[in-house]
Amino acid sequence: MNGNTIAALVLIIAAVILVIWLMKKFRKPDITEMYQPINILTDREYGFYLKLRPVADEYDLQIFTKVRLADLIEPKPKSVNPMWMECFNKIKSKHIDFVLADYHTNIVALIELDDTTHSRRDRIERDEFVEAVLKNTGYTLLRTYGETDDIANFLRRKL
């Protein structure tokens, strides 16, 4: 091999290495590999769930957790609601902590497990909005800091 052949070969190898490096550097990672599983309930929510389970069982009710508000209500049709998208955007990312329903999936009550974050201004505004919307759509929202007495009393009166 002469000097020109060796130089060309080194240049080709360097170009291949540069192309491989650039492809790795600018290649977008597979976004589906950027997730990890988590528990559906926090430790506090799970503790409350364990307290709520016997109350629900007493009245033959199912417990659904973290139900999206948009799965419980929807904006009135666009034909009568020019603010449909704004209304939907206000509910699409909010959820209710626990839903009690009978075995035909008729909703009996919605439950929010409150904590100290609910005294923040942004949470107060969020909670007031959610409560008003749920009241206007006929749902009963029960709020608790983790006790089930009020929930049991409500179910005793309602069922």
C-alpha atoms as a PDB file:
ATOM      1  CA  MET A   1       0.000   0.000   0.000  1.00  0.00           C
ATOM      2  CA  ASN A   2       1.254   3.393  -0.868  1.00  0.00           C
ATOM      3  CA  GLY A   3       0.842   6.549   1.201  1.00  0.00           C
ATOM      4  CA  ASN A   4      -2.177   7.810  -0.759  1.00  0.00           C
ATOM      5  CA  THR A   5      -4.077   4.549  -0.221  1.00  0.00           C
ATOM      6  CA  ILE A   6      -3.362   4.590   3.519  1.00  0.00           C
ATOM      7  CA  ALA A   7      -4.400   8.242   3.786  1.00  0.00           C
ATOM      8  CA  ALA A   8      -7.629   7.525   1.873  1.00  0.00           C
ATOM      9  CA  LEU A   9      -8.339   4.514   4.101  1.00  0.00           C
ATOM     10  CA  VAL A  10      -7.758   6.571   7.283  1.00  0.00           C
ATOM     11  CA  LEU A  11      -9.974   9.324   5.885  1.00  0.00           C
ATOM     12  CA  ILE A  12     -12.778   6.835   5.113  1.00  0.00           C
ATOM     13  CA  ILE A  13     -12.543   5.263   8.586  1.00  0.00           C
ATOM     14  CA  ALA A  14     -12.577   8.732  10.202  1.00  0.00           C
ATOM     15  CA  ALA A  15     -15.620   9.700   8.114  1.00  0.00           C
ATOM     16  CA  VAL A  16     -17.453   6.495   9.121  1.00  0.00           C
ATOM     17  CA  ILE A  17     -16.626   7.099  12.784  1.00  0.00           C
ATOM     18  CA  LEU A  18     -17.805  10.722  12.483  1.00  0.00           C
ATOM     19  CA  VAL A  19     -21.084   9.660  10.840  1.00  0.00           C
ATOM     20  CA  ILE A  20     -21.722   7.021  13.546  1.00  0.00           C
ATOM     21  CA  TRP A  21     -20.928   9.549  16.295  1.00  0.00           C
ATOM     22  CA  LEU A  22     -23.229  12.169  14.737  1.00  0.00           C
ATOM     23  CA  MET A  23     -26.049   9.633  14.358  1.00  0.00           C
ATOM     24  CA  LYS A  24     -25.775   8.662  18.022  1.00  0.00           C
ATOM     25  CA  LYS A  25     -25.527  12.267  19.165  1.00  0.00           C
ATOM     26  CA  PHE A  26     -28.522  13.551  17.229  1.00  0.00           C
ATOM     27  CA  ARG A  27     -30.697  10.455  17.235  1.00  0.00           C
ATOM     28  CA  LYS A  28     -33.801  10.962  19.332  1.00  0.00           C
ATOM     29  CA  PRO A  29     -34.114   8.330  22.014  1.00  0.00           C
ATOM     30  CA  ASP A  30     -37.089   5.992  21.958  1.00  0.00           C
ATOM     31  CA  ILE A  31     -39.547   7.962  24.086  1.00  0.00           C
ATOM     32  CA  THR A  32     -41.367   4.767  25.034  1.00  0.00           C
ATOM     33  CA  GLU A  33     -38.297   3.839  27.079  1.00  0.00           C
ATOM     34  CA  MET A  34     -38.480   7.057  29.111  1.00  0.00           C
ATOM     35  CA  TYR A  35     -41.190   5.870  31.517  1.00  0.00           C
ATOM     36  CA  GLN A  36     -41.311   3.816  34.676  1.00  0.00           C
ATOM     37  CA  PRO A  37     -44.252   2.260  36.503  1.00  0.00           C
ATOM     38  CA  ILE A  38     -45.656   3.777  39.685  1.00  0.00           C
ATOM     39  CA  ASN A  39     -48.328   2.713  42.137  1.00  0.00           C
ATOM     40  CA  ILE A  40     -51.787   3.974  41.247  1.00  0.00           C
ATOM     41  CA  LEU A  41     -52.254   5.317  44.788  1.00  0.00           C
ATOM     42  CA  THR A  42     -49.871   7.190  47.034  1.00  0.00           C
ATOM     43  CA  ASP A  43     -49.229   5.662  50.464  1.00  0.00           C
ATOM     44  CA  ARG A  44     -51.717   8.117  52.007  1.00  0.00           C
ATOM     45  CA  GLU A  45     -54.369   7.354  49.384  1.00  0.00           C
ATOM     46  CA  TYR A  46     -53.840   3.625  49.847  1.00  0.00           C
ATOM     47  CA  GLY A  47     -54.211   3.991  53.614  1.00  0.00           C
ATOM     48  CA  PHE A  48     -57.503   5.808  53.088  1.00  0.00           C
ATOM     49  CA  TYR A  49     -58.607   3.190  50.551  1.00  0.00           C
ATOM     50  CA  LEU A  50     -58.110   0.495  53.203  1.00  0.00           C
ATOM     51  CA  LYS A  51     -60.343   2.480  55.603  1.00  0.00           C
ATOM     52  CA  LEU A  52     -62.944   3.125  52.889  1.00  0.00           C
ATOM     53  CA  ARG A  53     -63.111  -0.495  51.692  1.00  0.00           C
ATOM     54  CA  PRO A  54     -65.195  -1.833  54.656  1.00  0.00           C
ATOM     55  CA  VAL A  55     -67.590   1.130  54.393  1.00  0.00           C
ATOM     56  CA  ALA A  56     -68.085   0.469  50.679  1.00  0.00           C
ATOM     57  CA  ASP A  57     -68.494  -3.265  51.295  1.00  0.00           C
ATOM     58  CA  GLU A  58     -71.206  -2.601  53.889  1.00  0.00           C
ATOM     59  CA  TYR A  59     -73.297  -0.887  51.190  1.00  0.00           C
ATOM     60  CA  ASP A  60     -72.257  -3.198  48.304  1.00  0.00           C
ATOM     61  CA  LEU A  61     -70.413  -0.409  46.556  1.00  0.00           C
ATOM     62  CA  GLN A  62     -67.399  -0.475  44.303  1.00  0.00           C
ATOM     63  CA  ILE A  63     -64.505   1.930  44.702  1.00  0.00           C
ATOM     64  CA  PHE A  64     -62.947   3.476  41.630  1.00  0.00           C
ATOM     65  CA  THR A  65     -59.764   5.480  42.099  1.00  0.00           C
ATOM     66  CA  LYS A  66     -58.423   8.554  40.341  1.00  0.00           C
ATOM     67  CA  VAL A  67     -61.287   8.960  37.918  1.00  0.00           C
ATOM     68  CA  ARG A  68     -60.784  11.727  35.392  1.00  0.00           C
ATOM     69  CA  LEU A  69     -63.292  14.542  35.749  1.00  0.00           C
ATOM     70  CA  ALA A  70     -63.826  14.365  31.976  1.00  0.00           C
ATOM     71  CA  ASP A  71     -65.022  10.772  32.462  1.00  0.00           C
ATOM     72  CA  LEU A  72     -67.726  11.991  34.849  1.00  0.00           C
ATOM     73  CA  ILE A  73     -68.908  15.162  33.126  1.00  0.00           C
ATOM     74  CA  GLU A  74     -68.660  16.819  29.750  1.00  0.00           C
ATOM     75  CA  PRO A  75     -69.320  20.295  28.438  1.00  0.00           C
ATOM     76  CA  LYS A  76     -72.735  20.918  26.969  1.00  0.00           C
ATOM     77  CA  PRO A  77     -72.736  20.489  23.155  1.00  0.00           C
ATOM     78  CA  LYS A  78     -71.079  23.097  20.972  1.00  0.00           C
ATOM     79  CA  SER A  79     -74.467  24.032  19.517  1.00  0.00           C
ATOM     80  CA  VAL A  80     -75.436  25.599  22.862  1.00  0.00           C
ATOM     81  CA  ASN A  81     -71.981  26.149  24.316  1.00  0.00           C
ATOM     82  CA  PRO A  82     -69.639  28.378  22.305  1.00  0.00           C
ATOM     83  CA  MET A  83     -67.018  27.852  25.046  1.00  0.00           C
ATOM     84  CA  TRP A  84     -66.924  24.062  24.622  1.00  0.00           C
ATOM     85  CA  MET A  85     -63.134  23.780  24.221  1.00  0.00           C
ATOM     86  CA  GLU A  86     -62.447  26.128  27.135  1.00  0.00           C
ATOM     87  CA  CYS A  87     -64.847  24.104  29.283  1.00  0.00           C
ATOM     88  CA  PHE A  88     -63.232  20.822  28.271  1.00  0.00           C
ATOM     89  CA  ASN A  89     -59.735  22.158  28.898  1.00  0.00           C
ATOM     90  CA  LYS A  90     -60.769  23.088  32.475  1.00  0.00           C
ATOM     91  CA  ILE A  91     -61.667  19.461  33.291  1.00  0.00           C
ATOM     92  CA  LYS A  92     -59.502  17.264  31.074  1.00  0.00           C
ATOM     93  CA  SER A  93     -56.534  16.999  33.445  1.00  0.00           C
ATOM     94  CA  LYS A  94     -58.349  16.955  36.784  1.00  0.00           C
ATOM     95  CA  HIS A  95     -59.403  13.827  38.609  1.00  0.00           C
ATOM     96  CA  ILE A  96     -61.482  12.785  41.583  1.00  0.00           C
ATOM     97  CA  ASP A  97     -59.627  10.688  44.149  1.00  0.00           C
ATOM     98  CA  PHE A  98     -62.345   8.084  44.826  1.00  0.00           C
ATOM     99  CA  VAL A  99     -65.711   7.273  43.287  1.00  0.00           C
ATOM    100  CA  LEU A 100     -68.278   5.092  45.025  1.00  0.00           C
ATOM    101  CA  ALA A 101     -70.657   3.315  42.650  1.00  0.00           C
ATOM    102  CA  ASP A 102     -73.125   0.473  42.811  1.00  0.00           C
ATOM    103  CA  TYR A 103     -72.554  -2.716  40.846  1.00  0.00           C
ATOM    104  CA  HIS A 104     -74.409  -1.226  37.868  1.00  0.00           C
ATOM    105  CA  THR A 105     -71.792   1.581  37.933  1.00  0.00           C
ATOM    106  CA  ASN A 106     -74.332   4.183  39.058  1.00  0.00           C
ATOM    107  CA  ILE A 107     -72.340   6.775  40.958  1.00  0.00           C
ATOM    108  CA  VAL A 108     -73.370   7.252  44.584  1.00  0.00           C
ATOM    109  CA  ALA A 109     -70.695   9.704  45.746  1.00  0.00           C
ATOM    110  CA  LEU A 110     -67.393  11.262  44.799  1.00  0.00           C
ATOM    111  CA  ILE A 111     -64.672  11.604  47.424  1.00  0.00           C
ATOM    112  CA  GLU A 112     -61.745  13.994  47.574  1.00  0.00           C
ATOM    113  CA  LEU A 113     -58.971  13.149  50.020  1.00  0.00           C
ATOM    114  CA  ASP A 114     -57.722  16.544  51.153  1.00  0.00           C
ATOM    115  CA  ASP A 115     -54.409  17.465  52.720  1.00  0.00           C
ATOM    116  CA  THR A 116     -52.618  20.693  53.612  1.00  0.00           C
ATOM    117  CA  THR A 117     -52.054  21.554  49.932  1.00  0.00           C
ATOM    118  CA  HIS A 118     -55.785  22.280  49.655  1.00  0.00           C
ATOM    119  CA  SER A 119     -55.260  25.462  51.674  1.00  0.00           C
ATOM    120  CA  ARG A 120     -53.063  26.941  48.915  1.00  0.00           C
ATOM    121  CA  ARG A 121     -54.729  29.680  46.866  1.00  0.00           C
ATOM    122  CA  ASP A 122     -54.467  27.785  43.565  1.00  0.00           C
ATOM    123  CA  ARG A 123     -55.950  24.654  45.130  1.00  0.00           C
ATOM    124  CA  ILE A 124     -58.778  26.619  46.756  1.00  0.00           C
ATOM    125  CA  GLU A 125     -59.712  28.042  43.348  1.00  0.00           C
ATOM    126  CA  ARG A 126     -59.471  24.590  41.755  1.00  0.00           C
ATOM    127  CA  ASP A 127     -61.577  23.006  44.509  1.00  0.00           C
ATOM    128  CA  GLU A 128     -64.241  25.729  44.291  1.00  0.00           C
ATOM    129  CA  PHE A 129     -64.494  25.250  40.517  1.00  0.00           C
ATOM    130  CA  VAL A 130     -64.719  21.447  40.789  1.00  0.00           C
ATOM    131  CA  GLU A 131     -67.306  21.611  43.586  1.00  0.00           C
ATOM    132  CA  ALA A 132     -69.489  24.063  41.630  1.00  0.00           C
ATOM    133  CA  VAL A 133     -69.343  22.005  38.426  1.00  0.00           C
ATOM    134  CA  LEU A 134     -70.119  18.763  40.253  1.00  0.00           C
ATOM    135  CA  LYS A 135     -73.000  20.357  42.158  1.00  0.00           C
ATOM    136  CA  ASN A 136     -74.415  21.771  38.902  1.00  0.00           C
ATOM    137  CA  THR A 137     -74.252  18.330  37.289  1.00  0.00           C
ATOM    138  CA  GLY A 138     -75.966  16.588  40.210  1.00  0.00           C
ATOM    139  CA  TYR A 139     -73.059  14.797  41.855  1.00  0.00           C
ATOM    140  CA  THR A 140     -72.383  14.637  45.564  1.00  0.00           C
ATOM    141  CA  LEU A 141     -68.785  15.447  46.467  1.00  0.00           C
ATOM    142  CA  LEU A 142     -67.585  14.469  49.920  1.00  0.00           C
ATOM    143  CA  ARG A 143     -64.324  15.920  51.226  1.00  0.00           C
ATOM    144  CA  THR A 144     -62.257  14.252  53.931  1.00  0.00           C
ATOM    145  CA  TYR A 145     -58.853  14.464  55.521  1.00  0.00           C
ATOM    146  CA  GLY A 146     -58.862  10.697  55.874  1.00  0.00           C
ATOM    147  CA  GLU A 147     -61.810   9.893  58.111  1.00  0.00           C
ATOM    148  CA  THR A 148     -64.733   7.801  56.904  1.00  0.00           C
ATOM    149  CA  ASP A 149     -67.396   8.772  59.483  1.00  0.00           C
ATOM    150  CA  ASP A 150     -68.992  11.466  57.309  1.00  0.00           C
ATOM    151  CA  ILE A 151     -68.948   9.126  54.332  1.00  0.00           C
ATOM    152  CA  ALA A 152     -70.632   6.342  56.312  1.00  0.00           C
ATOM    153  CA  ASN A 153     -73.254   8.803  57.623  1.00  0.00           C
ATOM    154  CA  PHE A 154     -73.949  10.036  54.086  1.00  0.00           C
ATOM    155  CA  LEU A 155     -74.361   6.484  52.793  1.00  0.00           C
ATOM    156  CA  ARG A 156     -76.620   5.565  55.727  1.00  0.00           C
ATOM    157  CA  ARG A 157     -78.928   8.489  54.867  1.00  0.00           C
ATOM    158  CA  LYS A 158     -78.802   8.005  51.096  1.00  0.00           C
ATOM    159  CA  LEU A 159     -79.016   4.228  50.858  1.00  0.00           C
END
